[in-house]
Amino acid sequence: MPPPIGDNQSMANQTTQVPIAGQAPDTEIVSSVDGAGRSVNNDGLTQSSSITLMLSASVGGAPTTDINFECSLDGSSFSTCASPSIFSGLSDGAHILEATSIDNSGNRDSSPASFTWTVDTVPPDTLIDSATDGNATTLTDGSTTESRSISFTFSGTDTSIEEDEEVGINHFECSIDGSSFSNCTSPVQYDNISSGSHIVEIRTQDNAGNLDPSPSSFTWIVNPIQQENNVARNTTGPALTPTNFPDTVITSTTDGSNNVIDNGTNTAFASIRFEFSTTNMDTVDHFECSMDDSDFVTCTSPFIFPILPEGNHAFKVRFVDVNGNMDESPATFVWDIIR
C-alpha cells in the first residue's frame, strides 16, 4: 500500500512522456547536404543539382523508429521515402521538399515538415567597364600609355533566379600579368607598372559559389617617356626622341599545343613560340633574343624553341634601331615546363 499523505508529507508530481494511443507522429527534416558535401540551410543556395536530407519522427516528444516516411518534391504526390532521402538531377531554380510520417497504426502527421532551397549552377558574367591611366586618359583594350598607373571599373551580372530575384554577386577577384587571383573591389588601381605589355583579368563569384569561368581581360602597353634624349651614334638614321624611345613587347606566347600561356605560369609542352614587336617599328633595324641568360643573337618574330628541357625558363627579346641603339630593358617572359 502507498504510505498515507500526512500534514508533513508531500509527493512530488513526476511526468513521463508516454505516447498516447492514436497520437499522430511529428516529422522533422534534421539536416541537408548537397552533392559536394556542403551543408545547405533551409531557404539556402547550392550550386549542386543533388541533395541528401535526413528525416526523423517522434510521438509525444519521444523519438521513434517504428515509422514510415512519405515525401513530396516540388508539389508531386507523396510517395514512400527513406532517411536519408537523396534527390539528384535537379533543375536550376527553387525547390521544396515536404516529408510526413506514418506509424504502424496508420496515424499520419497532418502537418508535413518542409524544406526549401535554390539550385544555381549558372556562373555569373564579368565586364570591365572602363580603364583609365594615371593621366586621366581613357584607354581601350590593346592601347598604349605613357603612364605607369592604371585603374579599372568593373561589374558583374547573375541571371540565376531565387524567389523572383537574382541570386546576386558575392565578390570579384583580380589578377595582373598572370598572378594569382585575389579579392578586389571596383575601382581597382595598379601603380609603378613596368614598361612593356600587361594584362589584367577580373572574374566574379555569385552567392551560390559559381565562379565566372571566362574572366574579363584587358591588355595594354606601358611606354613611358624617356627623360633624356638618346644620342645617336651615327647619322645613318633619325635620332631617337623621347616619344620614340625603343621599347620591346612580347605580343603572344603559345606552347606546342597552340595553347596561350601567361607570363609566370607553366606548360607540359617542351616547345614554345613567341611573337614580339616594338612601339618604334619605323626605326627598327632588328631584334635580338636570349634564352636562359644565353648571349643575345639576332632573331625574327615569330621565334620558336622546338625542344626545351623540363624546369624553369626565361626568354628575353630586345629591339635595336638603325643607329645601333638597343632597348635597355628587354621584354622578359618566364615559365616552367612541368611533365
C-alpha atoms as a PDB file:
ATOM      1  CA  MET A   1       0.000   0.000   0.000  1.00  0.00           C
ATOM      2  CA  PRO A   2       1.239   3.502  -0.655  1.00  0.00           C
ATOM      3  CA  PRO A   3       2.095   5.454   2.502  1.00  0.00           C
ATOM      4  CA  PRO A   4      -0.584   7.861   3.718  1.00  0.00           C
ATOM      5  CA  ILE A   5      -0.053  11.503   2.961  1.00  0.00           C
ATOM      6  CA  GLY A   6       0.057  13.353   6.247  1.00  0.00           C
ATOM      7  CA  ASP A   7       0.242  17.016   7.132  1.00  0.00           C
ATOM      8  CA  ASN A   8       4.049  16.950   6.977  1.00  0.00           C
ATOM      9  CA  GLN A   9       4.345  14.753   3.888  1.00  0.00           C
ATOM     10  CA  SER A  10       4.299  15.689   0.233  1.00  0.00           C
ATOM     11  CA  MET A  11       4.508  13.763  -3.031  1.00  0.00           C
ATOM     12  CA  ALA A  12       6.431  15.208  -5.980  1.00  0.00           C
ATOM     13  CA  ASN A  13       4.483  15.166  -9.218  1.00  0.00           C
ATOM     14  CA  GLN A  14       6.576  13.330 -11.801  1.00  0.00           C
ATOM     15  CA  THR A  15       5.679  13.318 -15.518  1.00  0.00           C
ATOM     16  CA  THR A  16       6.956  10.957 -18.172  1.00  0.00           C
ATOM     17  CA  GLN A  17       6.484  11.444 -21.914  1.00  0.00           C
ATOM     18  CA  VAL A  18       4.459   8.413 -22.849  1.00  0.00           C
ATOM     19  CA  PRO A  19       2.942   8.220 -26.319  1.00  0.00           C
ATOM     20  CA  ILE A  20      -0.815   8.409 -26.258  1.00  0.00           C
ATOM     21  CA  ALA A  21      -2.565   5.689 -28.186  1.00  0.00           C
ATOM     22  CA  GLY A  22      -3.706   7.045 -31.525  1.00  0.00           C
ATOM     23  CA  GLN A  23      -1.460  10.111 -31.304  1.00  0.00           C
ATOM     24  CA  ALA A  24      -0.067  11.113 -34.737  1.00  0.00           C
ATOM     25  CA  PRO A  25       3.707  11.310 -35.195  1.00  0.00           C
ATOM     26  CA  ASP A  26       5.594  14.536 -35.777  1.00  0.00           C
ATOM     27  CA  THR A  27       8.089  14.770 -38.678  1.00  0.00           C
ATOM     28  CA  GLU A  28      11.317  16.755 -38.833  1.00  0.00           C
ATOM     29  CA  ILE A  29      13.944  17.358 -41.518  1.00  0.00           C
ATOM     30  CA  VAL A  30      17.067  17.393 -39.386  1.00  0.00           C
ATOM     31  CA  SER A  31      19.861  18.056 -41.909  1.00  0.00           C
ATOM     32  CA  SER A  32      20.630  18.570 -45.585  1.00  0.00           C
ATOM     33  CA  VAL A  33      23.870  18.173 -47.553  1.00  0.00           C
ATOM     34  CA  ASP A  34      24.390  18.894 -51.266  1.00  0.00           C
ATOM     35  CA  GLY A  35      26.241  16.732 -53.775  1.00  0.00           C
ATOM     36  CA  ALA A  36      29.557  18.398 -52.932  1.00  0.00           C
ATOM     37  CA  GLY A  37      29.191  17.587 -49.232  1.00  0.00           C
ATOM     38  CA  ARG A  38      28.304  21.144 -48.228  1.00  0.00           C
ATOM     39  CA  SER A  39      25.575  21.812 -45.681  1.00  0.00           C
ATOM     40  CA  VAL A  40      22.536  23.603 -47.088  1.00  0.00           C
ATOM     41  CA  ASN A  41      20.342  25.758 -44.887  1.00  0.00           C
ATOM     42  CA  ASN A  42      16.583  25.979 -45.174  1.00  0.00           C
ATOM     43  CA  ASP A  43      15.839  28.612 -47.836  1.00  0.00           C
ATOM     44  CA  GLY A  44      19.526  28.395 -48.828  1.00  0.00           C
ATOM     45  CA  LEU A  45      21.550  28.213 -52.038  1.00  0.00           C
ATOM     46  CA  THR A  46      23.628  25.468 -53.634  1.00  0.00           C
ATOM     47  CA  GLN A  47      25.466  25.088 -56.930  1.00  0.00           C
ATOM     48  CA  SER A  48      24.848  21.320 -56.795  1.00  0.00           C
ATOM     49  CA  SER A  49      21.985  19.597 -58.609  1.00  0.00           C
ATOM     50  CA  SER A  50      21.672  16.914 -55.913  1.00  0.00           C
ATOM     51  CA  ILE A  51      20.801  16.954 -52.224  1.00  0.00           C
ATOM     52  CA  THR A  52      20.555  14.476 -49.329  1.00  0.00           C
ATOM     53  CA  LEU A  53      18.110  15.066 -46.473  1.00  0.00           C
ATOM     54  CA  MET A  54      17.925  13.305 -43.111  1.00  0.00           C
ATOM     55  CA  LEU A  55      14.440  12.738 -41.657  1.00  0.00           C
ATOM     56  CA  SER A  56      13.256  11.866 -38.156  1.00  0.00           C
ATOM     57  CA  ALA A  57       9.946  11.357 -36.351  1.00  0.00           C
ATOM     58  CA  SER A  58       8.693  11.487 -32.796  1.00  0.00           C
ATOM     59  CA  VAL A  59       5.478  10.663 -30.968  1.00  0.00           C
ATOM     60  CA  GLY A  60       4.554  12.692 -27.932  1.00  0.00           C
ATOM     61  CA  GLY A  61       8.045  14.195 -27.957  1.00  0.00           C
ATOM     62  CA  ALA A  62       9.730  10.784 -27.836  1.00  0.00           C
ATOM     63  CA  PRO A  63      11.838   9.741 -30.873  1.00  0.00           C
ATOM     64  CA  THR A  64      10.553   6.705 -32.681  1.00  0.00           C
ATOM     65  CA  THR A  65      11.888   4.459 -35.413  1.00  0.00           C
ATOM     66  CA  ASP A  66       8.726   2.386 -35.787  1.00  0.00           C
ATOM     67  CA  ILE A  67       7.613   4.681 -38.556  1.00  0.00           C
ATOM     68  CA  ASN A  68       7.320   5.057 -42.342  1.00  0.00           C
ATOM     69  CA  PHE A  69       8.081   8.233 -44.279  1.00  0.00           C
ATOM     70  CA  GLU A  70       6.482   9.724 -47.363  1.00  0.00           C
ATOM     71  CA  CYS A  71       7.979  12.572 -49.376  1.00  0.00           C
ATOM     72  CA  SER A  72       6.782  15.084 -51.943  1.00  0.00           C
ATOM     73  CA  LEU A  73       9.198  17.052 -54.132  1.00  0.00           C
ATOM     74  CA  ASP A  74       8.012  20.293 -55.701  1.00  0.00           C
ATOM     75  CA  GLY A  75       4.312  19.549 -55.166  1.00  0.00           C
ATOM     76  CA  SER A  76       4.348  15.988 -56.502  1.00  0.00           C
ATOM     77  CA  SER A  77       2.201  13.279 -54.919  1.00  0.00           C
ATOM     78  CA  PHE A  78       3.511  11.871 -51.653  1.00  0.00           C
ATOM     79  CA  SER A  79       5.298   8.543 -52.034  1.00  0.00           C
ATOM     80  CA  THR A  80       7.295   6.266 -49.779  1.00  0.00           C
ATOM     81  CA  CYS A  81      10.800   7.519 -48.981  1.00  0.00           C
ATOM     82  CA  ALA A  82      13.567   6.713 -46.540  1.00  0.00           C
ATOM     83  CA  SER A  83      16.014   8.557 -44.359  1.00  0.00           C
ATOM     84  CA  PRO A  84      18.344   9.654 -45.767  1.00  0.00           C
ATOM     85  CA  SER A  85      16.454  10.697 -48.904  1.00  0.00           C
ATOM     86  CA  ILE A  86      18.569  11.562 -51.941  1.00  0.00           C
ATOM     87  CA  PHE A  87      17.370  13.676 -54.864  1.00  0.00           C
ATOM     88  CA  SER A  88      19.557  14.223 -57.935  1.00  0.00           C
ATOM     89  CA  GLY A  89      19.323  15.707 -61.406  1.00  0.00           C
ATOM     90  CA  LEU A  90      17.513  18.753 -60.034  1.00  0.00           C
ATOM     91  CA  SER A  91      16.946  21.685 -62.343  1.00  0.00           C
ATOM     92  CA  ASP A  92      18.108  25.212 -61.612  1.00  0.00           C
ATOM     93  CA  GLY A  93      15.632  27.195 -59.544  1.00  0.00           C
ATOM     94  CA  ALA A  94      13.665  26.919 -56.309  1.00  0.00           C
ATOM     95  CA  HIS A  95      12.681  23.551 -54.838  1.00  0.00           C
ATOM     96  CA  ILE A  96      10.618  22.364 -51.875  1.00  0.00           C
ATOM     97  CA  LEU A  97      10.587  19.004 -50.147  1.00  0.00           C
ATOM     98  CA  GLU A  98       7.719  18.017 -47.861  1.00  0.00           C
ATOM     99  CA  ALA A  99       8.044  14.961 -45.617  1.00  0.00           C
ATOM    100  CA  THR A 100       5.437  13.261 -43.470  1.00  0.00           C
ATOM    101  CA  SER A 101       5.490  10.170 -41.253  1.00  0.00           C
ATOM    102  CA  ILE A 102       3.000   7.366 -40.653  1.00  0.00           C
ATOM    103  CA  ASP A 103       3.092   4.914 -37.754  1.00  0.00           C
ATOM    104  CA  ASN A 104       2.158   1.226 -37.967  1.00  0.00           C
ATOM    105  CA  SER A 105      -1.375   2.026 -36.815  1.00  0.00           C
ATOM    106  CA  GLY A 106      -1.876   4.326 -39.769  1.00  0.00           C
ATOM    107  CA  ASN A 107      -1.659   7.568 -37.818  1.00  0.00           C
ATOM    108  CA  ARG A 108      -0.319  10.229 -40.186  1.00  0.00           C
ATOM    109  CA  ASP A 109       1.412  13.528 -39.465  1.00  0.00           C
ATOM    110  CA  SER A 110      -1.129  16.064 -40.728  1.00  0.00           C
ATOM    111  CA  SER A 111       1.428  18.907 -40.941  1.00  0.00           C
ATOM    112  CA  PRO A 112       4.381  17.698 -43.031  1.00  0.00           C
ATOM    113  CA  ALA A 113       7.839  19.153 -42.443  1.00  0.00           C
ATOM    114  CA  SER A 114       9.097  21.276 -45.344  1.00  0.00           C
ATOM    115  CA  PHE A 115      12.481  22.375 -46.634  1.00  0.00           C
ATOM    116  CA  THR A 116      13.110  24.901 -49.433  1.00  0.00           C
ATOM    117  CA  TRP A 117      16.313  25.665 -51.328  1.00  0.00           C
ATOM    118  CA  THR A 118      17.534  27.032 -54.658  1.00  0.00           C
ATOM    119  CA  VAL A 119      19.805  25.289 -57.154  1.00  0.00           C
ATOM    120  CA  ASP A 120      22.075  27.667 -59.095  1.00  0.00           C
ATOM    121  CA  THR A 121      24.575  26.087 -61.479  1.00  0.00           C
ATOM    122  CA  VAL A 122      24.873  29.073 -63.838  1.00  0.00           C
ATOM    123  CA  PRO A 123      28.040  31.171 -63.317  1.00  0.00           C
ATOM    124  CA  PRO A 124      27.922  34.960 -63.337  1.00  0.00           C
ATOM    125  CA  ASP A 125      29.458  37.153 -66.032  1.00  0.00           C
ATOM    126  CA  THR A 126      32.102  39.862 -65.550  1.00  0.00           C
ATOM    127  CA  LEU A 127      32.576  43.081 -67.503  1.00  0.00           C
ATOM    128  CA  ILE A 128      35.436  45.605 -67.349  1.00  0.00           C
ATOM    129  CA  ASP A 129      33.560  48.875 -67.757  1.00  0.00           C
ATOM    130  CA  SER A 130      36.469  51.309 -68.066  1.00  0.00           C
ATOM    131  CA  ALA A 131      40.259  51.658 -67.921  1.00  0.00           C
ATOM    132  CA  THR A 132      41.872  54.997 -67.058  1.00  0.00           C
ATOM    133  CA  ASP A 133      45.622  55.703 -66.847  1.00  0.00           C
ATOM    134  CA  GLY A 134      47.410  57.980 -64.383  1.00  0.00           C
ATOM    135  CA  ASN A 135      46.974  60.914 -66.775  1.00  0.00           C
ATOM    136  CA  ALA A 136      43.179  60.540 -66.583  1.00  0.00           C
ATOM    137  CA  THR A 137      43.122  59.238 -70.161  1.00  0.00           C
ATOM    138  CA  THR A 138      40.577  56.576 -71.032  1.00  0.00           C
ATOM    139  CA  LEU A 139      42.277  53.554 -72.587  1.00  0.00           C
ATOM    140  CA  THR A 140      40.892  50.945 -74.952  1.00  0.00           C
ATOM    141  CA  ASP A 141      41.865  47.276 -74.960  1.00  0.00           C
ATOM    142  CA  GLY A 142      45.287  46.854 -76.623  1.00  0.00           C
ATOM    143  CA  SER A 143      46.238  50.539 -76.476  1.00  0.00           C
ATOM    144  CA  THR A 144      49.476  52.205 -75.323  1.00  0.00           C
ATOM    145  CA  THR A 145      50.019  54.671 -72.492  1.00  0.00           C
ATOM    146  CA  GLU A 146      52.971  56.643 -71.154  1.00  0.00           C
ATOM    147  CA  SER A 147      51.624  56.315 -67.600  1.00  0.00           C
ATOM    148  CA  ARG A 148      52.792  53.654 -65.147  1.00  0.00           C
ATOM    149  CA  SER A 149      49.420  53.727 -63.326  1.00  0.00           C
ATOM    150  CA  ILE A 150      46.025  52.415 -64.368  1.00  0.00           C
ATOM    151  CA  SER A 151      42.627  51.957 -62.737  1.00  0.00           C
ATOM    152  CA  PHE A 152      39.694  49.781 -63.759  1.00  0.00           C
ATOM    153  CA  THR A 153      35.996  49.869 -63.012  1.00  0.00           C
ATOM    154  CA  PHE A 154      34.076  46.660 -63.440  1.00  0.00           C
ATOM    155  CA  SER A 155      30.728  44.989 -62.767  1.00  0.00           C
ATOM    156  CA  GLY A 156      29.084  41.580 -62.760  1.00  0.00           C
ATOM    157  CA  THR A 157      25.708  40.148 -63.692  1.00  0.00           C
ATOM    158  CA  ASP A 158      23.995  37.000 -62.473  1.00  0.00           C
ATOM    159  CA  THR A 159      20.995  35.620 -64.338  1.00  0.00           C
ATOM    160  CA  SER A 160      20.063  32.901 -61.814  1.00  0.00           C
ATOM    161  CA  ILE A 161      16.768  33.474 -60.028  1.00  0.00           C
ATOM    162  CA  GLU A 162      15.877  32.827 -56.386  1.00  0.00           C
ATOM    163  CA  GLU A 163      12.308  33.640 -55.408  1.00  0.00           C
ATOM    164  CA  ASP A 164      11.902  36.002 -58.394  1.00  0.00           C
ATOM    165  CA  GLU A 165      15.159  37.821 -57.581  1.00  0.00           C
ATOM    166  CA  GLU A 166      18.712  37.445 -58.859  1.00  0.00           C
ATOM    167  CA  VAL A 167      20.897  35.182 -56.721  1.00  0.00           C
ATOM    168  CA  GLY A 168      23.418  38.016 -56.691  1.00  0.00           C
ATOM    169  CA  ILE A 169      27.133  38.730 -56.865  1.00  0.00           C
ATOM    170  CA  ASN A 170      29.260  37.790 -53.868  1.00  0.00           C
ATOM    171  CA  HIS A 171      32.663  39.242 -54.760  1.00  0.00           C
ATOM    172  CA  PHE A 172      35.214  39.976 -57.504  1.00  0.00           C
ATOM    173  CA  GLU A 173      38.746  38.634 -57.991  1.00  0.00           C
ATOM    174  CA  CYS A 174      41.563  40.329 -59.944  1.00  0.00           C
ATOM    175  CA  SER A 175      44.858  39.175 -61.481  1.00  0.00           C
ATOM    176  CA  ILE A 176      47.592  41.192 -63.198  1.00  0.00           C
ATOM    177  CA  ASP A 177      50.141  39.606 -65.539  1.00  0.00           C
ATOM    178  CA  GLY A 178      49.252  36.024 -64.621  1.00  0.00           C
ATOM    179  CA  SER A 179      49.461  36.467 -60.844  1.00  0.00           C
ATOM    180  CA  SER A 180      47.126  34.531 -58.560  1.00  0.00           C
ATOM    181  CA  PHE A 181      43.573  35.879 -58.369  1.00  0.00           C
ATOM    182  CA  SER A 182      42.764  37.814 -55.191  1.00  0.00           C
ATOM    183  CA  ASN A 183      39.659  39.616 -53.932  1.00  0.00           C
ATOM    184  CA  CYS A 184      39.229  43.139 -55.283  1.00  0.00           C
ATOM    185  CA  THR A 185      36.612  45.886 -55.473  1.00  0.00           C
ATOM    186  CA  SER A 186      35.744  48.381 -58.178  1.00  0.00           C
ATOM    187  CA  PRO A 187      37.612  50.554 -58.915  1.00  0.00           C
ATOM    188  CA  VAL A 188      40.964  48.762 -58.600  1.00  0.00           C
ATOM    189  CA  GLN A 189      44.224  50.624 -59.241  1.00  0.00           C
ATOM    190  CA  TYR A 190      47.723  49.426 -60.136  1.00  0.00           C
ATOM    191  CA  ASP A 191      50.797  51.663 -59.758  1.00  0.00           C
ATOM    192  CA  ASN A 192      54.510  51.502 -60.595  1.00  0.00           C
ATOM    193  CA  ILE A 193      53.866  49.266 -63.602  1.00  0.00           C
ATOM    194  CA  SER A 194      56.938  48.293 -65.594  1.00  0.00           C
ATOM    195  CA  SER A 195      57.430  49.073 -69.275  1.00  0.00           C
ATOM    196  CA  GLY A 196      56.012  46.571 -71.728  1.00  0.00           C
ATOM    197  CA  SER A 197      52.798  44.686 -72.304  1.00  0.00           C
ATOM    198  CA  HIS A 198      50.412  43.861 -69.457  1.00  0.00           C
ATOM    199  CA  ILE A 199      47.131  42.081 -68.882  1.00  0.00           C
ATOM    200  CA  VAL A 200      44.508  42.356 -66.141  1.00  0.00           C
ATOM    201  CA  GLU A 201      41.869  39.655 -65.671  1.00  0.00           C
ATOM    202  CA  ILE A 202      38.796  40.065 -63.483  1.00  0.00           C
ATOM    203  CA  ARG A 203      36.230  37.424 -62.549  1.00  0.00           C
ATOM    204  CA  THR A 204      33.057  37.250 -60.450  1.00  0.00           C
ATOM    205  CA  GLN A 205      31.686  34.754 -57.931  1.00  0.00           C
ATOM    206  CA  ASP A 206      27.981  34.615 -57.107  1.00  0.00           C
ATOM    207  CA  ASN A 207      26.339  33.830 -53.779  1.00  0.00           C
ATOM    208  CA  ALA A 208      25.936  30.166 -54.737  1.00  0.00           C
ATOM    209  CA  GLY A 209      29.704  29.829 -55.182  1.00  0.00           C
ATOM    210  CA  ASN A 210      29.736  29.758 -59.011  1.00  0.00           C
ATOM    211  CA  LEU A 211      32.856  31.386 -60.481  1.00  0.00           C
ATOM    212  CA  ASP A 212      32.959  33.100 -63.873  1.00  0.00           C
ATOM    213  CA  PRO A 213      34.945  30.565 -65.989  1.00  0.00           C
ATOM    214  CA  SER A 214      35.974  33.200 -68.559  1.00  0.00           C
ATOM    215  CA  PRO A 215      37.322  36.277 -66.746  1.00  0.00           C
ATOM    216  CA  SER A 216      37.047  39.632 -68.459  1.00  0.00           C
ATOM    217  CA  SER A 217      40.506  40.724 -69.632  1.00  0.00           C
ATOM    218  CA  PHE A 218      42.205  43.955 -70.672  1.00  0.00           C
ATOM    219  CA  THR A 219      45.646  44.294 -72.318  1.00  0.00           C
ATOM    220  CA  TRP A 220      47.744  47.404 -72.722  1.00  0.00           C
ATOM    221  CA  ILE A 221      51.320  48.574 -73.276  1.00  0.00           C
ATOM    222  CA  VAL A 222      53.252  50.891 -70.966  1.00  0.00           C
ATOM    223  CA  ASN A 223      55.699  53.040 -72.973  1.00  0.00           C
ATOM    224  CA  PRO A 224      56.914  55.827 -70.662  1.00  0.00           C
ATOM    225  CA  ILE A 225      58.616  58.960 -71.981  1.00  0.00           C
ATOM    226  CA  GLN A 226      62.406  58.782 -71.848  1.00  0.00           C
ATOM    227  CA  GLN A 227      63.583  61.647 -69.672  1.00  0.00           C
ATOM    228  CA  GLU A 228      66.705  62.369 -71.684  1.00  0.00           C
ATOM    229  CA  ASN A 229      67.105  62.186 -75.437  1.00  0.00           C
ATOM    230  CA  ASN A 230      69.148  59.247 -76.660  1.00  0.00           C
ATOM    231  CA  VAL A 231      72.197  60.358 -78.585  1.00  0.00           C
ATOM    232  CA  ALA A 232      72.525  58.696 -81.962  1.00  0.00           C
ATOM    233  CA  ARG A 233      75.877  57.067 -82.575  1.00  0.00           C
ATOM    234  CA  ASN A 234      75.849  57.982 -86.268  1.00  0.00           C
ATOM    235  CA  THR A 235      73.745  59.835 -88.799  1.00  0.00           C
ATOM    236  CA  THR A 236      72.519  56.915 -90.877  1.00  0.00           C
ATOM    237  CA  GLY A 237      69.080  57.211 -89.333  1.00  0.00           C
ATOM    238  CA  PRO A 238      66.963  59.575 -87.245  1.00  0.00           C
ATOM    239  CA  ALA A 239      67.972  60.173 -83.631  1.00  0.00           C
ATOM    240  CA  LEU A 240      65.536  58.797 -81.101  1.00  0.00           C
ATOM    241  CA  THR A 241      63.329  61.347 -79.351  1.00  0.00           C
ATOM    242  CA  PRO A 242      61.511  60.978 -76.019  1.00  0.00           C
ATOM    243  CA  THR A 243      58.403  59.845 -77.890  1.00  0.00           C
ATOM    244  CA  ASN A 244      60.051  57.031 -79.875  1.00  0.00           C
ATOM    245  CA  PHE A 245      62.341  55.553 -77.217  1.00  0.00           C
ATOM    246  CA  PRO A 246      62.950  51.849 -78.016  1.00  0.00           C
ATOM    247  CA  ASP A 247      60.537  49.547 -76.246  1.00  0.00           C
ATOM    248  CA  THR A 248      60.073  45.851 -76.976  1.00  0.00           C
ATOM    249  CA  VAL A 249      56.868  43.924 -76.289  1.00  0.00           C
ATOM    250  CA  ILE A 250      56.076  40.216 -76.386  1.00  0.00           C
ATOM    251  CA  THR A 251      52.681  40.112 -78.061  1.00  0.00           C
ATOM    252  CA  SER A 252      51.929  36.376 -77.983  1.00  0.00           C
ATOM    253  CA  THR A 253      53.206  33.187 -76.323  1.00  0.00           C
ATOM    254  CA  THR A 254      51.888  29.727 -77.242  1.00  0.00           C
ATOM    255  CA  ASP A 255      53.069  26.236 -76.342  1.00  0.00           C
ATOM    256  CA  GLY A 256      53.437  23.144 -78.521  1.00  0.00           C
ATOM    257  CA  SER A 257      49.693  22.523 -78.434  1.00  0.00           C
ATOM    258  CA  ASN A 258      48.971  26.095 -79.522  1.00  0.00           C
ATOM    259  CA  ASN A 259      47.689  26.962 -76.048  1.00  0.00           C
ATOM    260  CA  VAL A 260      48.185  30.580 -74.995  1.00  0.00           C
ATOM    261  CA  ILE A 261      50.233  30.675 -71.790  1.00  0.00           C
ATOM    262  CA  ASP A 262      50.664  33.618 -69.423  1.00  0.00           C
ATOM    263  CA  ASN A 263      53.849  35.036 -68.004  1.00  0.00           C
ATOM    264  CA  GLY A 264      54.795  33.234 -64.797  1.00  0.00           C
ATOM    265  CA  THR A 265      52.705  30.114 -65.471  1.00  0.00           C
ATOM    266  CA  ASN A 266      53.581  26.613 -66.701  1.00  0.00           C
ATOM    267  CA  THR A 267      53.001  24.147 -69.527  1.00  0.00           C
ATOM    268  CA  ALA A 268      53.547  20.440 -70.106  1.00  0.00           C
ATOM    269  CA  PHE A 269      54.915  21.002 -73.618  1.00  0.00           C
ATOM    270  CA  ALA A 270      58.627  21.207 -74.477  1.00  0.00           C
ATOM    271  CA  SER A 271      58.216  23.681 -77.334  1.00  0.00           C
ATOM    272  CA  ILE A 272      57.201  27.338 -77.246  1.00  0.00           C
ATOM    273  CA  ARG A 273      56.538  30.090 -79.781  1.00  0.00           C
ATOM    274  CA  PHE A 274      56.997  33.829 -79.182  1.00  0.00           C
ATOM    275  CA  GLU A 275      55.738  36.749 -81.224  1.00  0.00           C
ATOM    276  CA  PHE A 276      57.133  40.191 -80.470  1.00  0.00           C
ATOM    277  CA  SER A 277      57.174  43.723 -81.749  1.00  0.00           C
ATOM    278  CA  THR A 278      58.149  47.267 -80.811  1.00  0.00           C
ATOM    279  CA  THR A 279      56.365  50.561 -80.449  1.00  0.00           C
ATOM    280  CA  ASN A 280      59.001  52.062 -82.785  1.00  0.00           C
ATOM    281  CA  MET A 281      58.625  49.994 -85.950  1.00  0.00           C
ATOM    282  CA  ASP A 282      59.615  52.963 -88.133  1.00  0.00           C
ATOM    283  CA  THR A 283      63.173  52.912 -86.736  1.00  0.00           C
ATOM    284  CA  VAL A 284      63.684  49.192 -86.110  1.00  0.00           C
ATOM    285  CA  ASP A 285      66.762  47.516 -87.554  1.00  0.00           C
ATOM    286  CA  HIS A 286      66.473  44.076 -85.948  1.00  0.00           C
ATOM    287  CA  PHE A 287      65.595  42.143 -82.788  1.00  0.00           C
ATOM    288  CA  GLU A 288      67.884  40.131 -80.532  1.00  0.00           C
ATOM    289  CA  CYS A 289      66.807  37.157 -78.415  1.00  0.00           C
ATOM    290  CA  SER A 290      68.240  35.312 -75.414  1.00  0.00           C
ATOM    291  CA  MET A 291      67.081  32.063 -73.805  1.00  0.00           C
ATOM    292  CA  ASP A 292      68.002  31.270 -70.196  1.00  0.00           C
ATOM    293  CA  ASP A 293      70.643  34.045 -69.968  1.00  0.00           C
ATOM    294  CA  SER A 294      72.485  32.953 -73.107  1.00  0.00           C
ATOM    295  CA  ASP A 295      74.123  35.613 -75.319  1.00  0.00           C
ATOM    296  CA  PHE A 296      71.717  37.722 -77.352  1.00  0.00           C
ATOM    297  CA  VAL A 297      71.520  36.721 -81.015  1.00  0.00           C
ATOM    298  CA  THR A 298      69.655  38.244 -83.943  1.00  0.00           C
ATOM    299  CA  CYS A 299      66.127  36.828 -84.255  1.00  0.00           C
ATOM    300  CA  THR A 300      62.837  37.428 -86.007  1.00  0.00           C
ATOM    301  CA  SER A 301      59.212  37.155 -84.965  1.00  0.00           C
ATOM    302  CA  PRO A 302      57.834  34.547 -84.555  1.00  0.00           C
ATOM    303  CA  PHE A 303      60.695  32.801 -82.751  1.00  0.00           C
ATOM    304  CA  ILE A 304      60.242  29.095 -81.921  1.00  0.00           C
ATOM    305  CA  PHE A 305      62.113  26.879 -79.480  1.00  0.00           C
ATOM    306  CA  PRO A 306      61.215  23.301 -80.565  1.00  0.00           C
ATOM    307  CA  ILE A 307      62.638  21.291 -77.648  1.00  0.00           C
ATOM    308  CA  LEU A 308      63.374  22.600 -74.149  1.00  0.00           C
ATOM    309  CA  PRO A 309      64.156  20.596 -71.000  1.00  0.00           C
ATOM    310  CA  GLU A 310      61.848  20.362 -68.023  1.00  0.00           C
ATOM    311  CA  GLY A 311      62.219  23.181 -65.487  1.00  0.00           C
ATOM    312  CA  ASN A 312      62.208  26.965 -65.300  1.00  0.00           C
ATOM    313  CA  HIS A 313      62.989  29.097 -68.365  1.00  0.00           C
ATOM    314  CA  ALA A 314      63.357  32.772 -69.188  1.00  0.00           C
ATOM    315  CA  PHE A 315      63.111  34.326 -72.663  1.00  0.00           C
ATOM    316  CA  LYS A 316      64.297  37.863 -73.382  1.00  0.00           C
ATOM    317  CA  VAL A 317      63.998  39.928 -76.547  1.00  0.00           C
ATOM    318  CA  ARG A 318      65.191  43.449 -77.313  1.00  0.00           C
ATOM    319  CA  PHE A 319      64.815  45.986 -80.109  1.00  0.00           C
ATOM    320  CA  VAL A 320      67.806  47.533 -81.914  1.00  0.00           C
ATOM    321  CA  ASP A 321      67.271  50.646 -84.042  1.00  0.00           C
ATOM    322  CA  VAL A 322      69.037  51.681 -87.262  1.00  0.00           C
ATOM    323  CA  ASN A 323      71.647  53.614 -85.270  1.00  0.00           C
ATOM    324  CA  GLY A 324      72.501  50.657 -83.062  1.00  0.00           C
ATOM    325  CA  ASN A 325      70.585  51.922 -80.024  1.00  0.00           C
ATOM    326  CA  MET A 326      69.044  48.995 -78.166  1.00  0.00           C
ATOM    327  CA  ASP A 327      66.242  48.602 -75.701  1.00  0.00           C
ATOM    328  CA  GLU A 328      67.980  48.637 -72.319  1.00  0.00           C
ATOM    329  CA  SER A 329      65.104  46.790 -70.646  1.00  0.00           C
ATOM    330  CA  PRO A 330      64.357  43.711 -72.794  1.00  0.00           C
ATOM    331  CA  ALA A 331      60.876  42.217 -72.700  1.00  0.00           C
ATOM    332  CA  THR A 332      61.023  39.117 -70.491  1.00  0.00           C
ATOM    333  CA  PHE A 333      58.842  36.023 -70.265  1.00  0.00           C
ATOM    334  CA  VAL A 334      59.345  33.328 -67.607  1.00  0.00           C
ATOM    335  CA  TRP A 335      57.599  29.961 -67.367  1.00  0.00           C
ATOM    336  CA  ASP A 336      58.019  26.373 -66.170  1.00  0.00           C
ATOM    337  CA  ILE A 337      57.866  23.167 -68.174  1.00  0.00           C
ATOM    338  CA  ILE A 338      56.254  20.520 -65.965  1.00  0.00           C
ATOM    339  CA  ARG A 339      55.684  16.997 -67.222  1.00  0.00           C
END
